[in-house]
Protein backbone atom coordinates (compact mmCIF):
# COMPACT_ATOMS: atom_id res chain seq x y z
CA MET A 1 -13.73 64.94 -79.33
CA THR A 2 -13.71 64.08 -75.75
CA ALA A 3 -11.27 66.22 -73.71
CA SER A 4 -8.54 64.52 -71.73
CA ALA A 5 -8.36 64.88 -67.94
CA GLN A 6 -5.34 67.06 -68.35
CA ALA A 7 -7.36 69.52 -70.28
CA ALA A 8 -10.19 69.34 -67.92
CA LEU A 9 -7.80 69.96 -64.98
CA ARG A 10 -6.43 73.12 -66.57
CA ALA A 11 -9.82 74.46 -67.16
CA ALA A 12 -10.80 73.56 -63.48
CA VAL A 13 -7.79 75.35 -62.10
CA ALA A 14 -8.78 78.46 -64.11
CA GLN A 15 -12.42 78.28 -63.10
CA LEU A 16 -11.65 78.15 -59.25
CA SER A 17 -8.85 80.66 -59.63
CA ASP A 18 -11.28 83.16 -61.25
CA ALA A 19 -13.82 82.34 -58.41
CA GLY A 20 -11.14 83.55 -55.85
CA ILE A 21 -10.70 80.01 -54.30
CA PRO A 22 -7.50 79.53 -52.15
CA ASP A 23 -5.20 76.73 -53.41
CA ALA A 24 -7.25 76.44 -56.66
CA ALA A 25 -4.88 73.77 -58.11
CA ARG A 26 -5.07 71.66 -55.15
CA ASP A 27 -8.82 71.70 -54.96
CA ALA A 28 -9.13 71.14 -58.73
CA ARG A 29 -6.98 67.98 -58.49
CA HIS A 30 -9.15 66.60 -55.68
CA LEU A 31 -12.44 67.34 -57.45
CA LEU A 32 -11.18 66.01 -60.70
CA ALA A 33 -10.11 62.75 -58.93
CA HIS A 34 -13.33 62.49 -57.23
CA ALA A 35 -15.29 62.86 -60.42
CA MET A 36 -13.07 60.11 -62.09
CA GLY A 37 -13.36 57.86 -59.16
CA LEU A 38 -9.64 57.94 -58.37
CA PRO A 39 -7.62 58.49 -55.19
CA PRO A 40 -6.09 62.00 -55.47
CA ASP A 41 -2.51 60.50 -55.43
CA ARG A 42 -3.29 58.48 -58.54
CA LEU A 43 -4.61 61.19 -60.71
CA THR A 44 -1.22 62.00 -62.35
CA LEU A 45 -1.15 58.49 -63.83
CA HIS A 46 -4.66 59.13 -65.63
CA LEU A 47 -4.29 62.59 -66.73
CA ALA A 48 -3.93 61.34 -70.44
CA ASP A 49 -7.13 59.50 -70.21
CA PRO A 50 -10.29 60.91 -71.80
CA LEU A 51 -12.81 62.47 -69.35
CA THR A 52 -16.18 60.41 -69.68
CA PRO A 53 -19.34 62.36 -69.97
CA ASP A 54 -20.42 61.24 -66.49
CA ALA A 55 -17.18 62.27 -65.00
CA ALA A 56 -17.43 65.70 -66.85
CA ALA A 57 -20.94 66.23 -65.58
CA LEU A 58 -19.99 65.49 -61.99
CA LEU A 59 -16.68 67.70 -62.18
CA ALA A 60 -18.90 70.60 -63.44
CA ALA A 61 -21.09 70.19 -60.53
CA ASN A 62 -18.17 69.86 -57.99
CA LEU A 63 -16.59 72.98 -59.50
CA ALA A 64 -20.03 75.02 -59.34
CA ALA A 65 -20.29 74.07 -55.53
CA ARG A 66 -16.58 74.79 -54.78
CA SER A 67 -16.95 78.16 -56.50
CA GLN A 68 -19.67 78.84 -53.95
CA ARG A 69 -17.07 78.13 -51.28
CA GLN A 70 -18.62 74.79 -50.10
CA PRO A 71 -15.61 72.80 -48.57
CA VAL A 72 -14.03 70.11 -50.79
CA SER A 73 -14.63 67.60 -48.01
CA GLN A 74 -18.45 68.17 -47.99
CA ILE A 75 -18.33 67.96 -51.82
CA THR A 76 -16.50 64.75 -52.06
CA GLY A 77 -18.16 63.42 -48.84
CA ASN A 78 -14.93 62.54 -46.93
CA ARG A 79 -11.98 63.74 -45.11
CA LEU A 80 -8.74 62.13 -44.49
CA PHE A 81 -7.80 62.15 -40.76
CA TRP A 82 -4.86 60.27 -38.93
CA GLY A 83 -4.65 58.08 -42.14
CA ARG A 84 -8.23 57.12 -42.35
CA ASN A 85 -11.27 58.50 -44.34
CA PHE A 86 -14.06 59.75 -42.57
CA ARG A 87 -17.53 60.64 -43.98
CA VAL A 88 -18.29 64.42 -43.73
CA THR A 89 -21.57 66.26 -44.45
CA GLN A 90 -22.92 69.80 -43.49
CA ASP A 91 -24.05 68.33 -40.15
CA VAL A 92 -20.53 67.80 -38.75
CA LEU A 93 -17.36 69.87 -38.22
CA ASP A 94 -14.83 69.25 -40.96
CA PRO A 95 -11.90 67.36 -39.09
CA ARG A 96 -8.85 69.68 -39.12
CA PRO A 97 -5.02 68.70 -39.16
CA GLU A 98 -4.45 70.47 -35.87
CA THR A 99 -6.93 68.15 -33.99
CA GLU A 100 -4.41 65.31 -34.57
CA SER A 101 -2.43 66.96 -31.73
CA LEU A 102 -5.09 65.71 -29.34
CA ILE A 103 -5.00 62.30 -30.79
CA ALA A 104 -1.20 62.14 -30.32
CA ALA A 105 -1.62 63.20 -26.89
CA ALA A 106 -4.29 60.75 -25.98
CA LEU A 107 -2.11 57.78 -27.56
CA ALA A 108 0.76 58.74 -25.31
CA GLN A 109 -0.88 56.81 -22.32
CA PRO A 110 -3.01 53.64 -22.33
CA PHE A 111 -6.79 53.62 -21.97
CA GLN A 112 -9.68 51.22 -22.24
CA ARG A 113 -12.77 53.35 -22.01
CA VAL A 114 -13.16 56.57 -23.91
CA LEU A 115 -15.89 59.19 -23.60
CA ASP A 116 -15.98 61.70 -26.56
CA LEU A 117 -18.04 64.88 -25.97
CA GLY A 118 -19.62 66.55 -28.93
CA THR A 119 -18.52 63.70 -31.18
CA GLY A 120 -19.62 65.17 -34.46
CA SER A 121 -18.32 62.72 -37.26
CA GLY A 122 -16.99 60.58 -34.53
CA VAL A 123 -13.32 61.31 -35.64
CA LEU A 124 -11.84 61.49 -32.18
CA LEU A 125 -13.47 58.42 -30.74
CA LEU A 126 -13.15 56.25 -33.79
CA THR A 127 -9.53 57.12 -34.54
CA LEU A 128 -8.70 56.25 -30.84
CA LEU A 129 -10.51 52.97 -30.97
CA ALA A 130 -8.88 52.09 -34.29
CA GLU A 131 -5.54 52.62 -32.77
CA ARG A 132 -6.34 50.72 -29.56
CA PRO A 133 -8.12 47.48 -30.55
CA ALA A 134 -8.81 46.76 -26.83
CA ALA A 135 -10.59 50.02 -26.21
CA SER A 136 -14.43 50.93 -26.25
CA GLY A 137 -16.12 54.05 -25.95
CA LEU A 138 -19.12 56.38 -26.10
CA GLY A 139 -19.52 59.30 -28.36
CA ILE A 140 -22.44 61.95 -27.37
CA ASP A 141 -23.65 64.94 -29.37
CA LEU A 142 -26.72 67.24 -29.18
CA SER A 143 -27.28 66.68 -32.93
CA PRO A 144 -29.17 63.61 -34.09
CA ALA A 145 -27.97 64.19 -37.62
CA ALA A 146 -24.25 64.37 -36.46
CA LEU A 147 -24.71 61.04 -34.42
CA ASN A 148 -26.03 59.38 -37.67
CA VAL A 149 -22.82 60.40 -39.58
CA ALA A 150 -20.75 59.09 -36.51
CA GLN A 151 -22.62 55.90 -36.73
CA ALA A 152 -22.06 55.47 -40.27
CA ASN A 153 -18.23 56.21 -39.94
CA ALA A 154 -18.09 53.54 -37.12
CA GLU A 155 -19.68 50.98 -39.44
CA THR A 156 -17.52 51.87 -42.35
CA LEU A 157 -14.41 51.53 -40.12
CA SER A 158 -15.64 48.17 -38.58
CA LEU A 159 -15.80 49.71 -35.11
CA ALA A 160 -19.60 49.66 -34.55
CA ASN A 161 -19.02 46.84 -32.05
CA ARG A 162 -16.85 48.94 -29.71
CA ALA A 163 -18.35 52.46 -30.37
CA THR A 164 -21.63 53.58 -29.04
CA PHE A 165 -23.44 56.94 -29.66
CA ALA A 166 -26.07 58.69 -27.69
CA LEU A 167 -27.94 62.06 -27.58
CA SER A 168 -26.66 64.27 -24.59
CA ASP A 169 -26.38 67.96 -23.93
CA TRP A 170 -22.78 67.53 -22.76
CA LEU A 171 -22.61 65.43 -19.71
CA THR A 172 -26.34 65.49 -18.65
CA ALA A 173 -27.08 62.00 -19.88
CA VAL A 174 -23.65 60.28 -19.74
CA PRO A 175 -23.36 57.21 -17.60
CA GLY A 176 -20.31 55.56 -15.92
CA GLN A 177 -16.65 56.42 -15.68
CA TYR A 178 -14.00 56.50 -18.36
CA ASP A 179 -10.22 56.41 -18.42
CA LEU A 180 -10.13 59.00 -21.19
CA VAL A 181 -12.45 61.77 -21.94
CA VAL A 182 -11.83 63.94 -25.12
CA ALA A 183 -13.62 66.92 -26.66
CA ASN A 184 -13.20 69.27 -29.51
CA PRO A 185 -16.03 71.64 -28.35
CA PRO A 186 -17.35 74.80 -30.18
CA TYR A 187 -14.98 77.50 -28.89
CA ILE A 188 -15.21 80.27 -31.43
CA ALA A 189 -16.48 83.61 -29.69
CA GLU A 190 -19.69 85.10 -31.35
CA ALA A 191 -17.72 88.28 -32.21
CA GLU A 192 -15.18 86.25 -34.16
CA MET A 193 -17.57 84.48 -36.42
CA ALA A 194 -17.78 87.03 -39.17
CA ALA A 195 -14.02 86.85 -39.82
CA LEU A 196 -14.18 83.15 -40.55
CA ALA A 197 -13.34 81.96 -43.93
CA PRO A 198 -16.79 81.42 -45.96
CA GLU A 199 -15.94 77.73 -46.16
CA VAL A 200 -16.48 77.52 -42.25
CA ARG A 201 -18.96 80.40 -41.67
CA LEU A 202 -21.47 79.43 -44.33
CA TRP A 203 -21.20 75.64 -44.62
CA GLU A 204 -20.22 74.20 -41.19
CA PRO A 205 -22.75 73.74 -38.44
CA HIS A 206 -22.91 76.83 -36.14
CA LEU A 207 -23.74 74.47 -33.22
CA ALA A 208 -20.15 72.87 -33.68
CA LEU A 209 -18.55 76.20 -34.10
CA THR A 210 -19.60 78.58 -31.42
CA PRO A 211 -21.69 78.56 -28.26
CA GLY A 212 -22.10 82.20 -28.58
CA GLY A 213 -20.65 84.93 -26.13
CA ASP A 214 -17.16 84.55 -25.23
CA GLY A 215 -16.74 81.04 -26.71
CA LEU A 216 -16.14 79.30 -23.31
CA ASP A 217 -19.46 78.01 -22.48
CA ALA A 218 -18.69 74.42 -23.43
CA TYR A 219 -15.53 74.38 -21.37
CA ARG A 220 -17.73 75.57 -18.37
CA ALA A 221 -20.08 72.80 -18.76
CA ILE A 222 -17.30 70.11 -19.30
CA ALA A 223 -15.42 71.55 -16.18
CA ALA A 224 -18.52 71.53 -13.97
CA GLY A 225 -19.55 68.03 -14.76
CA VAL A 226 -16.64 65.84 -15.85
CA ALA A 227 -15.12 64.83 -12.46
CA PRO A 228 -17.64 62.03 -11.57
CA HIS A 229 -17.02 60.54 -15.08
CA LEU A 230 -13.21 60.30 -14.73
CA ALA A 231 -12.08 56.91 -13.38
CA PRO A 232 -9.09 57.10 -10.98
CA GLY A 233 -6.03 58.28 -13.03
CA GLY A 234 -8.47 59.17 -15.91
CA ARG A 235 -7.47 61.90 -18.34
CA LEU A 236 -9.37 64.80 -19.74
CA LEU A 237 -8.06 66.26 -23.15
CA VAL A 238 -9.92 69.22 -24.91
CA GLU A 239 -9.02 71.11 -27.90
CA ILE A 240 -8.90 74.92 -27.44
CA GLY A 241 -8.23 78.06 -29.71
CA PRO A 242 -4.79 79.30 -29.60
CA THR A 243 -5.73 82.17 -27.33
CA GLN A 244 -7.75 80.37 -24.77
CA ALA A 245 -5.24 78.46 -22.83
CA GLN A 246 -5.29 80.61 -19.63
CA ALA A 247 -9.13 81.09 -19.61
CA VAL A 248 -9.68 77.20 -20.00
CA SER A 249 -7.12 76.18 -17.60
CA GLY A 250 -8.54 78.68 -15.06
CA LEU A 251 -12.09 77.14 -15.57
CA PHE A 252 -10.73 73.64 -14.94
CA ARG A 253 -8.64 74.70 -12.01
CA ALA A 254 -11.50 76.50 -10.32
CA CYS A 255 -13.65 73.26 -10.61
CA GLY A 256 -10.88 71.16 -8.87
CA LEU A 257 -9.46 69.38 -11.79
CA PRO A 258 -5.89 68.45 -11.14
CA ASP A 259 -2.51 68.31 -13.09
CA ILE A 260 -3.43 70.90 -15.76
CA ARG A 261 -1.12 71.18 -18.67
CA VAL A 262 -1.21 73.06 -21.93
CA LEU A 263 0.00 71.17 -25.05
CA PRO A 264 1.03 72.72 -28.34
CA ASP A 265 0.10 71.68 -31.94
CA LEU A 266 2.70 71.12 -34.63
CA ASP A 267 2.79 74.75 -35.45
CA GLY A 268 3.80 75.59 -31.63
CA ARG A 269 0.32 77.11 -30.89
CA ASP A 270 -1.55 76.22 -27.71
CA ARG A 271 -3.97 73.60 -28.78
CA VAL A 272 -4.91 71.19 -26.14
CA ILE A 273 -5.57 71.36 -22.41
CA SER A 274 -5.11 68.11 -20.37
CA ALA A 275 -5.96 67.23 -16.85
CA GLN A 276 -5.67 64.06 -14.89
CA ALA A 277 -7.54 62.65 -11.93
CA GLY A 278 -5.57 61.54 -8.98
CA SER A 279 -5.13 57.90 -7.81
CA VAL A 280 -3.51 56.49 -10.79
CA ARG A 281 -4.36 52.83 -11.32
CA GLN A 282 -2.77 50.43 -13.69
CA ILE A 283 -4.71 49.81 -17.08
CA ALA A 284 -4.02 46.53 -18.62
């Protein structure tokens, strides 16, 4: 007799709990919904349905992967961010809720041209372009594999006509000026890597997590090179670790970046450093 989805869910929760997975019930629901081809918020309506052999096989593979601490987003291949689904692979950073604080800050003022440094999955650039239909932008990354993911996300979101992606080591190959420059750079210090959750330390690209050393090298590169690429009145917004506000603000100040502010995330932790160039001009 074919087991119901409800029975499969109970077994999945038990399996993930036994493997020591945090939030086993939540992850089990997501993985079961994925195996059944359902949005997670529709699973409850189908718990009485029988689980097909194909769905059962996919669920078993999903649970095995999660038991090895692979992130759910990599298993399902997508992550919801700012209300949109983004493709996620082992080649890109898994978008995190706290990064939405940067999006909120960026949307607080108008912009037309966006530069996304270290674009990864393209989540910053593409979210901003989706929210501002008149805007266009460039996303750069050092990883060709990440750029492929970003391009695929642009096409899925029907933004490929306004989003361009290019290979660059920070600002070395970036042309032109931009009204808005954003970045969620690698900022974890080398000494902090061992304490990261296995989902991050073992499965996400180290290139997107840490530059080594004190974790500040990306900010040094951005501070040293961004000024020529900021249009008059242009803004720079970068995500930081919650203990890095003073250090990053100091780097930006030492390079002559004006109007530096520290912005919190929804939990009240320092999360974004902003700077704005002088001679503000009106953007239509």
